[in-house]
Amino acid sequence: MKREINILCTRKLDANILKKAELNNIHIDCVPFIETIFTHSLEVEKKLKELETQEIVAAFTSKKAVEAITKILQTAPHWKIFTTGGITKKSIIKYFGEDAIMGSGKHASDVKEKLFENKDNISKVYFFCGDQRMNDIPEYLPEQGIEV
C-alpha cells in the first residue's frame, strides 16, 4: 500500500506540477502566505516612459519588480541589466533578452559585487525592487561613487 504524502506549499504552483504530484500519490495544498500588491502612480509611470528611451544600467532583485516594470513599458528598452538569478533572471530574459544581462548572482549581495566590478563603466544604477528588499545595493554603491 502506497502512503499518501501531504505537502503545504506557501506559494501558487503550476497546474502541471500539481497533476504530476497527484499521480505520484502526493497531495499539495497551495496557500500563498505573501500577497504582492503593485503600487502604481502617474509619477512612476512618467519616469519609466522617460527611461524607456534611454540606455541605462538597471538592477533587478525581484521577479515582481520585473513584472511591475514590464506592465508599464510599451517596448523592451536597451538597458544594461544586473539581476539576481533564478526566476528573476528568467523574467529578464523573457522580456529584455539574454544579451541585456551584464551580470547576475544568486543574491542581491552578488549583484552588488557585479556592479562594483563594473564601476569604471557605471556612474548611475536604477534599482528596481520591492519594499521588502535588503539594503546591499542602495547602501554600498553610493559609498563606491555609484548613484542609485
N, C-alpha and C. Protein backbone atom coordinates (compact mmCIF):
# COMPACT_ATOMS: atom_id res chain seq x y z
N MET A 1 0.83 -1.18 0.00
CA MET A 1 0.00 0.00 0.00
C MET A 1 0.88 1.26 0.00
N LYS A 2 0.63 2.12 -0.97
CA LYS A 2 1.38 3.37 -1.05
C LYS A 2 0.85 4.37 -0.06
N ARG A 3 1.75 5.03 0.59
CA ARG A 3 1.38 6.06 1.55
C ARG A 3 1.18 7.39 0.83
N GLU A 4 0.12 8.10 1.18
CA GLU A 4 -0.10 9.42 0.60
C GLU A 4 0.74 10.44 1.35
N ILE A 5 1.35 11.33 0.58
CA ILE A 5 2.17 12.38 1.16
C ILE A 5 1.40 13.70 1.01
N ASN A 6 1.33 14.45 2.09
CA ASN A 6 0.67 15.76 2.07
C ASN A 6 1.72 16.85 2.27
N ILE A 7 1.65 17.86 1.42
CA ILE A 7 2.61 18.97 1.48
C ILE A 7 1.84 20.28 1.47
N LEU A 8 2.29 21.21 2.30
CA LEU A 8 1.75 22.57 2.29
C LEU A 8 2.79 23.45 1.61
N CYS A 9 2.40 24.09 0.53
CA CYS A 9 3.27 24.99 -0.20
C CYS A 9 2.78 26.42 0.01
N THR A 10 3.71 27.33 0.28
CA THR A 10 3.31 28.70 0.62
C THR A 10 3.29 29.64 -0.59
N ARG A 11 3.24 29.07 -1.78
CA ARG A 11 3.05 29.87 -2.99
C ARG A 11 2.28 29.05 -4.00
N LYS A 12 1.74 29.72 -5.01
CA LYS A 12 1.00 29.02 -6.05
C LYS A 12 1.96 28.21 -6.90
N LEU A 13 1.52 27.03 -7.30
CA LEU A 13 2.30 26.18 -8.19
C LEU A 13 1.56 25.96 -9.50
N ASP A 14 2.30 25.68 -10.53
CA ASP A 14 1.74 25.40 -11.84
C ASP A 14 0.85 24.14 -11.77
N ALA A 15 -0.25 24.16 -12.51
CA ALA A 15 -1.20 23.04 -12.50
C ALA A 15 -0.53 21.74 -12.92
N ASN A 16 0.44 21.80 -13.84
CA ASN A 16 1.14 20.58 -14.29
C ASN A 16 1.93 19.94 -13.15
N ILE A 17 2.51 20.75 -12.31
CA ILE A 17 3.26 20.23 -11.16
C ILE A 17 2.31 19.53 -10.20
N LEU A 18 1.15 20.15 -9.96
CA LEU A 18 0.17 19.56 -9.05
C LEU A 18 -0.37 18.24 -9.58
N LYS A 19 -0.63 18.17 -10.89
CA LYS A 19 -1.12 16.92 -11.50
C LYS A 19 -0.08 15.81 -11.40
N LYS A 20 1.17 16.17 -11.68
CA LYS A 20 2.25 15.18 -11.62
C LYS A 20 2.41 14.65 -10.19
N ALA A 21 2.30 15.55 -9.21
CA ALA A 21 2.39 15.13 -7.81
C ALA A 21 1.27 14.17 -7.46
N GLU A 22 0.04 14.50 -7.86
CA GLU A 22 -1.12 13.64 -7.56
C GLU A 22 -0.94 12.24 -8.15
N LEU A 23 -0.36 12.16 -9.36
CA LEU A 23 -0.10 10.86 -9.99
C LEU A 23 0.89 10.02 -9.18
N ASN A 24 1.69 10.69 -8.37
CA ASN A 24 2.66 10.01 -7.52
C ASN A 24 2.22 9.95 -6.06
N ASN A 25 0.90 10.10 -5.85
CA ASN A 25 0.31 9.98 -4.53
C ASN A 25 0.77 11.08 -3.57
N ILE A 26 1.02 12.26 -4.14
CA ILE A 26 1.44 13.41 -3.33
C ILE A 26 0.37 14.49 -3.48
N HIS A 27 -0.19 14.89 -2.36
CA HIS A 27 -1.20 15.95 -2.37
C HIS A 27 -0.56 17.24 -1.88
N ILE A 28 -0.66 18.32 -2.71
CA ILE A 28 -0.06 19.60 -2.35
C ILE A 28 -1.16 20.64 -2.18
N ASP A 29 -1.23 21.21 -0.99
CA ASP A 29 -2.13 22.34 -0.72
C ASP A 29 -1.32 23.62 -0.92
N CYS A 30 -1.80 24.48 -1.80
CA CYS A 30 -1.11 25.75 -2.05
C CYS A 30 -1.84 26.88 -1.34
N VAL A 31 -1.19 27.46 -0.36
CA VAL A 31 -1.75 28.56 0.42
C VAL A 31 -0.72 29.69 0.43
N PRO A 32 -0.84 30.64 -0.50
CA PRO A 32 0.14 31.73 -0.53
C PRO A 32 0.14 32.53 0.78
N PHE A 33 1.31 32.70 1.37
CA PHE A 33 1.45 33.45 2.62
C PHE A 33 1.75 34.92 2.37
N ILE A 34 2.21 35.23 1.18
CA ILE A 34 2.57 36.60 0.86
C ILE A 34 1.71 37.10 -0.28
N GLU A 35 1.13 38.26 -0.10
CA GLU A 35 0.34 38.87 -1.16
C GLU A 35 1.12 40.07 -1.68
N THR A 36 1.29 40.11 -2.98
CA THR A 36 2.01 41.22 -3.59
C THR A 36 1.00 42.19 -4.20
N ILE A 37 1.15 43.44 -3.83
CA ILE A 37 0.28 44.48 -4.37
C ILE A 37 1.17 45.47 -5.11
N PHE A 38 0.93 45.62 -6.41
CA PHE A 38 1.70 46.56 -7.19
C PHE A 38 1.20 47.97 -6.93
N THR A 39 2.12 48.86 -6.61
CA THR A 39 1.75 50.26 -6.47
C THR A 39 1.97 50.93 -7.81
N HIS A 40 1.12 51.85 -8.13
CA HIS A 40 1.21 52.50 -9.43
C HIS A 40 0.87 53.98 -9.25
N SER A 41 1.75 54.80 -9.77
CA SER A 41 1.47 56.22 -9.72
C SER A 41 1.82 56.82 -11.07
N LEU A 42 1.20 57.93 -11.38
CA LEU A 42 1.50 58.61 -12.64
C LEU A 42 2.94 59.09 -12.67
N GLU A 43 3.46 59.45 -11.52
CA GLU A 43 4.85 59.91 -11.43
C GLU A 43 5.82 58.78 -11.82
N VAL A 44 5.58 57.58 -11.30
CA VAL A 44 6.43 56.43 -11.62
C VAL A 44 6.27 56.07 -13.09
N GLU A 45 5.06 56.05 -13.57
CA GLU A 45 4.81 55.73 -14.98
C GLU A 45 5.53 56.72 -15.90
N LYS A 46 5.46 57.99 -15.58
CA LYS A 46 6.11 59.03 -16.39
C LYS A 46 7.63 58.82 -16.41
N LYS A 47 8.21 58.53 -15.24
CA LYS A 47 9.65 58.32 -15.15
C LYS A 47 10.06 57.08 -15.96
N LEU A 48 9.28 56.00 -15.88
CA LEU A 48 9.60 54.79 -16.63
C LEU A 48 9.51 55.03 -18.14
N LYS A 49 8.52 55.78 -18.57
CA LYS A 49 8.39 56.10 -20.00
C LYS A 49 9.61 56.90 -20.47
N GLU A 50 10.11 57.77 -19.61
CA GLU A 50 11.30 58.55 -19.92
C GLU A 50 12.53 57.63 -20.01
N LEU A 51 12.66 56.71 -19.05
CA LEU A 51 13.80 55.79 -19.04
C LEU A 51 13.74 54.77 -20.17
N GLU A 52 12.55 54.50 -20.66
CA GLU A 52 12.35 53.52 -21.72
C GLU A 52 13.15 53.88 -22.98
N THR A 53 13.36 55.16 -23.20
CA THR A 53 14.06 55.61 -24.40
C THR A 53 15.56 55.83 -24.17
N GLN A 54 16.02 55.57 -22.95
CA GLN A 54 17.42 55.79 -22.62
C GLN A 54 18.16 54.47 -22.43
N GLU A 55 19.46 54.53 -22.58
CA GLU A 55 20.29 53.35 -22.29
C GLU A 55 20.82 53.50 -20.87
N ILE A 56 20.15 52.86 -19.94
CA ILE A 56 20.51 52.96 -18.53
C ILE A 56 21.10 51.65 -18.03
N VAL A 57 21.67 51.69 -16.85
CA VAL A 57 22.07 50.49 -16.13
C VAL A 57 20.98 50.25 -15.09
N ALA A 58 20.41 49.05 -15.12
CA ALA A 58 19.31 48.71 -14.21
C ALA A 58 19.70 47.49 -13.38
N ALA A 59 19.22 47.46 -12.16
CA ALA A 59 19.42 46.30 -11.28
C ALA A 59 18.05 45.81 -10.83
N PHE A 60 17.83 44.51 -10.94
CA PHE A 60 16.59 43.88 -10.51
C PHE A 60 16.92 42.78 -9.50
N THR A 61 16.19 42.77 -8.39
CA THR A 61 16.37 41.70 -7.40
C THR A 61 15.05 41.00 -7.10
N SER A 62 14.07 41.21 -7.96
CA SER A 62 12.75 40.64 -7.70
C SER A 62 12.01 40.39 -9.00
N LYS A 63 11.45 39.19 -9.13
CA LYS A 63 10.61 38.86 -10.28
C LYS A 63 9.41 39.79 -10.33
N LYS A 64 8.88 40.12 -9.18
CA LYS A 64 7.71 41.01 -9.12
C LYS A 64 8.06 42.40 -9.61
N ALA A 65 9.28 42.85 -9.36
CA ALA A 65 9.72 44.16 -9.87
C ALA A 65 9.77 44.13 -11.39
N VAL A 66 10.26 43.03 -11.95
CA VAL A 66 10.29 42.87 -13.41
C VAL A 66 8.87 42.93 -13.96
N GLU A 67 7.95 42.21 -13.33
CA GLU A 67 6.55 42.20 -13.77
C GLU A 67 5.94 43.59 -13.70
N ALA A 68 6.19 44.30 -12.62
CA ALA A 68 5.61 45.64 -12.45
C ALA A 68 6.12 46.60 -13.52
N ILE A 69 7.41 46.54 -13.81
CA ILE A 69 8.02 47.44 -14.79
C ILE A 69 7.53 47.10 -16.20
N THR A 70 7.52 45.82 -16.54
CA THR A 70 7.16 45.44 -17.90
C THR A 70 5.67 45.65 -18.21
N LYS A 71 4.85 45.77 -17.18
CA LYS A 71 3.44 46.10 -17.41
C LYS A 71 3.28 47.54 -17.88
N ILE A 72 4.24 48.39 -17.52
CA ILE A 72 4.17 49.81 -17.87
C ILE A 72 4.89 50.10 -19.19
N LEU A 73 6.02 49.46 -19.40
CA LEU A 73 6.79 49.70 -20.61
C LEU A 73 6.06 49.19 -21.85
N GLN A 74 6.16 49.94 -22.93
CA GLN A 74 5.49 49.53 -24.16
C GLN A 74 6.40 48.70 -25.06
N THR A 75 7.70 48.91 -24.95
CA THR A 75 8.68 48.13 -25.71
C THR A 75 9.82 47.77 -24.78
N ALA A 76 10.59 46.77 -25.17
CA ALA A 76 11.75 46.38 -24.37
C ALA A 76 12.87 47.38 -24.64
N PRO A 77 13.24 48.16 -23.63
CA PRO A 77 14.30 49.15 -23.82
C PRO A 77 15.68 48.49 -23.92
N HIS A 78 16.65 49.26 -24.35
CA HIS A 78 18.02 48.77 -24.47
C HIS A 78 18.80 49.12 -23.21
N TRP A 79 18.47 48.40 -22.15
CA TRP A 79 19.10 48.63 -20.85
C TRP A 79 20.20 47.59 -20.63
N LYS A 80 21.20 47.97 -19.85
CA LYS A 80 22.20 47.04 -19.37
C LYS A 80 21.72 46.61 -17.99
N ILE A 81 21.51 45.30 -17.82
CA ILE A 81 20.84 44.82 -16.62
C ILE A 81 21.71 43.89 -15.79
N PHE A 82 21.67 44.14 -14.47
CA PHE A 82 22.28 43.26 -13.47
C PHE A 82 21.11 42.69 -12.67
N THR A 83 21.13 41.40 -12.41
CA THR A 83 19.97 40.76 -11.80
C THR A 83 20.35 39.59 -10.91
N THR A 84 19.43 39.28 -10.00
CA THR A 84 19.57 38.03 -9.26
C THR A 84 19.18 36.91 -10.22
N GLY A 85 19.57 35.70 -9.88
CA GLY A 85 19.33 34.57 -10.76
C GLY A 85 17.92 34.00 -10.62
N GLY A 86 17.77 32.78 -11.04
CA GLY A 86 16.50 32.07 -10.91
C GLY A 86 15.38 32.68 -11.71
N ILE A 87 14.22 32.79 -11.08
CA ILE A 87 13.01 33.28 -11.75
C ILE A 87 13.16 34.73 -12.18
N THR A 88 13.86 35.53 -11.40
CA THR A 88 14.06 36.93 -11.77
C THR A 88 14.85 37.01 -13.08
N LYS A 89 15.92 36.26 -13.18
CA LYS A 89 16.73 36.26 -14.39
C LYS A 89 15.93 35.75 -15.59
N LYS A 90 15.16 34.70 -15.38
CA LYS A 90 14.33 34.16 -16.47
C LYS A 90 13.32 35.21 -16.95
N SER A 91 12.76 35.97 -16.02
CA SER A 91 11.81 37.02 -16.38
C SER A 91 12.50 38.12 -17.18
N ILE A 92 13.72 38.46 -16.80
CA ILE A 92 14.50 39.46 -17.53
C ILE A 92 14.75 38.98 -18.96
N ILE A 93 15.19 37.74 -19.09
CA ILE A 93 15.49 37.17 -20.41
C ILE A 93 14.24 37.16 -21.28
N LYS A 94 13.12 36.78 -20.70
CA LYS A 94 11.86 36.71 -21.45
C LYS A 94 11.47 38.06 -22.04
N TYR A 95 11.64 39.13 -21.29
CA TYR A 95 11.20 40.44 -21.74
C TYR A 95 12.30 41.23 -22.45
N PHE A 96 13.49 41.27 -21.86
CA PHE A 96 14.57 42.12 -22.38
C PHE A 96 15.53 41.38 -23.30
N GLY A 97 15.57 40.05 -23.20
CA GLY A 97 16.52 39.25 -23.97
C GLY A 97 17.78 38.97 -23.17
N GLU A 98 18.42 37.86 -23.48
CA GLU A 98 19.60 37.43 -22.73
C GLU A 98 20.78 38.39 -22.87
N ASP A 99 20.89 39.04 -24.02
CA ASP A 99 22.01 39.97 -24.26
C ASP A 99 21.96 41.20 -23.36
N ALA A 100 20.80 41.49 -22.78
CA ALA A 100 20.67 42.66 -21.89
C ALA A 100 21.36 42.44 -20.55
N ILE A 101 21.57 41.18 -20.17
CA ILE A 101 22.13 40.88 -18.86
C ILE A 101 23.65 41.06 -18.88
N MET A 102 24.11 41.97 -18.06
CA MET A 102 25.54 42.27 -17.95
C MET A 102 26.18 41.53 -16.77
N GLY A 103 25.34 41.10 -15.83
CA GLY A 103 25.84 40.37 -14.69
C GLY A 103 24.70 39.85 -13.85
N SER A 104 24.93 38.72 -13.19
CA SER A 104 23.89 38.17 -12.32
C SER A 104 24.55 37.41 -11.17
N GLY A 105 23.77 37.20 -10.15
CA GLY A 105 24.24 36.47 -8.98
C GLY A 105 23.06 35.91 -8.22
N LYS A 106 23.34 35.03 -7.31
CA LYS A 106 22.28 34.36 -6.57
C LYS A 106 21.51 35.33 -5.67
N HIS A 107 22.22 36.26 -5.04
CA HIS A 107 21.60 37.19 -4.08
C HIS A 107 21.91 38.63 -4.46
N ALA A 108 21.22 39.56 -3.81
CA ALA A 108 21.47 40.99 -4.04
C ALA A 108 22.92 41.35 -3.75
N SER A 109 23.51 40.70 -2.76
CA SER A 109 24.92 41.00 -2.43
C SER A 109 25.84 40.60 -3.60
N ASP A 110 25.47 39.54 -4.33
CA ASP A 110 26.25 39.15 -5.51
C ASP A 110 26.07 40.17 -6.63
N VAL A 111 24.86 40.66 -6.79
CA VAL A 111 24.59 41.68 -7.81
C VAL A 111 25.36 42.95 -7.48
N LYS A 112 25.39 43.29 -6.22
CA LYS A 112 26.16 44.46 -5.76
C LYS A 112 27.62 44.31 -6.16
N GLU A 113 28.18 43.13 -5.97
CA GLU A 113 29.58 42.89 -6.33
C GLU A 113 29.80 42.98 -7.83
N LYS A 114 28.87 42.46 -8.62
CA LYS A 114 28.97 42.54 -10.09
C LYS A 114 28.95 44.00 -10.54
N LEU A 115 28.09 44.79 -9.92
CA LEU A 115 28.03 46.22 -10.25
C LEU A 115 29.34 46.90 -9.87
N PHE A 116 29.87 46.56 -8.71
CA PHE A 116 31.13 47.15 -8.25
C PHE A 116 32.27 46.79 -9.20
N GLU A 117 32.29 45.54 -9.67
CA GLU A 117 33.33 45.10 -10.61
C GLU A 117 33.31 45.92 -11.89
N ASN A 118 32.15 46.49 -12.23
CA ASN A 118 31.99 47.28 -13.45
C ASN A 118 31.94 48.78 -13.17
N LYS A 119 32.39 49.19 -11.99
CA LYS A 119 32.23 50.59 -11.57
C LYS A 119 32.90 51.59 -12.51
N ASP A 120 33.91 51.18 -13.24
CA ASP A 120 34.56 52.10 -14.17
C ASP A 120 33.64 52.49 -15.33
N ASN A 121 32.63 51.67 -15.60
CA ASN A 121 31.69 51.92 -16.69
C ASN A 121 30.32 52.36 -16.21
N ILE A 122 30.16 52.50 -14.89
CA ILE A 122 28.84 52.80 -14.32
C ILE A 122 28.95 54.00 -13.39
N SER A 123 28.11 55.00 -13.62
CA SER A 123 28.05 56.12 -12.69
C SER A 123 26.70 56.17 -11.97
N LYS A 124 25.69 55.52 -12.58
CA LYS A 124 24.34 55.55 -12.01
C LYS A 124 23.63 54.22 -12.30
N VAL A 125 22.90 53.74 -11.30
CA VAL A 125 22.14 52.50 -11.43
C VAL A 125 20.70 52.77 -11.00
N TYR A 126 19.75 52.31 -11.80
CA TYR A 126 18.34 52.36 -11.42
C TYR A 126 18.01 51.00 -10.82
N PHE A 127 17.61 51.03 -9.55
CA PHE A 127 17.38 49.80 -8.79
C PHE A 127 15.89 49.54 -8.69
N PHE A 128 15.43 48.45 -9.32
CA PHE A 128 14.02 48.07 -9.30
C PHE A 128 13.86 46.90 -8.34
N CYS A 129 13.04 47.12 -7.30
CA CYS A 129 12.92 46.13 -6.24
C CYS A 129 11.59 46.30 -5.53
N GLY A 130 11.33 45.39 -4.62
CA GLY A 130 10.15 45.51 -3.78
C GLY A 130 10.49 46.28 -2.51
N ASP A 131 9.50 46.50 -1.69
CA ASP A 131 9.73 47.25 -0.45
C ASP A 131 10.28 46.38 0.68
N GLN A 132 10.41 45.09 0.44
CA GLN A 132 10.94 44.17 1.46
C GLN A 132 12.34 43.69 1.06
N ARG A 133 13.14 44.54 0.49
CA ARG A 133 14.45 44.17 -0.04
C ARG A 133 15.55 44.37 1.00
N MET A 134 16.70 43.78 0.70
CA MET A 134 17.90 44.01 1.50
C MET A 134 18.49 45.35 1.06
N ASN A 135 19.32 45.95 1.88
CA ASN A 135 19.89 47.26 1.57
C ASN A 135 21.28 47.19 0.95
N ASP A 136 21.72 46.01 0.54
CA ASP A 136 23.07 45.85 -0.02
C ASP A 136 23.37 46.86 -1.12
N ILE A 137 22.51 46.93 -2.10
CA ILE A 137 22.76 47.79 -3.27
C ILE A 137 22.65 49.27 -2.93
N PRO A 138 21.54 49.74 -2.33
CA PRO A 138 21.43 51.19 -2.10
C PRO A 138 22.37 51.75 -1.03
N GLU A 139 22.90 50.90 -0.17
CA GLU A 139 23.83 51.40 0.85
C GLU A 139 25.28 51.35 0.38
N TYR A 140 25.65 50.28 -0.29
CA TYR A 140 27.04 50.05 -0.65
C TYR A 140 27.49 50.87 -1.87
N LEU A 141 26.69 50.87 -2.93
CA LEU A 141 27.14 51.50 -4.17
C LEU A 141 27.41 53.00 -4.06
N PRO A 142 26.57 53.79 -3.37
CA PRO A 142 26.90 55.21 -3.24
C PRO A 142 28.25 55.44 -2.54
N GLU A 143 28.60 54.56 -1.62
CA GLU A 143 29.91 54.65 -0.96
C GLU A 143 31.05 54.43 -1.95
N GLN A 144 30.75 53.77 -3.06
CA GLN A 144 31.74 53.48 -4.09
C GLN A 144 31.66 54.46 -5.26
N GLY A 145 30.84 55.50 -5.11
CA GLY A 145 30.74 56.52 -6.15
C GLY A 145 29.72 56.23 -7.23
N ILE A 146 28.86 55.26 -6.99
CA ILE A 146 27.81 54.93 -7.97
C ILE A 146 26.47 55.39 -7.42
N GLU A 147 25.81 56.27 -8.14
CA GLU A 147 24.50 56.80 -7.72
C GLU A 147 23.43 55.72 -7.92
N VAL A 148 22.57 55.56 -6.93
CA VAL A 148 21.48 54.59 -7.01
C VAL A 148 20.17 55.33 -6.95
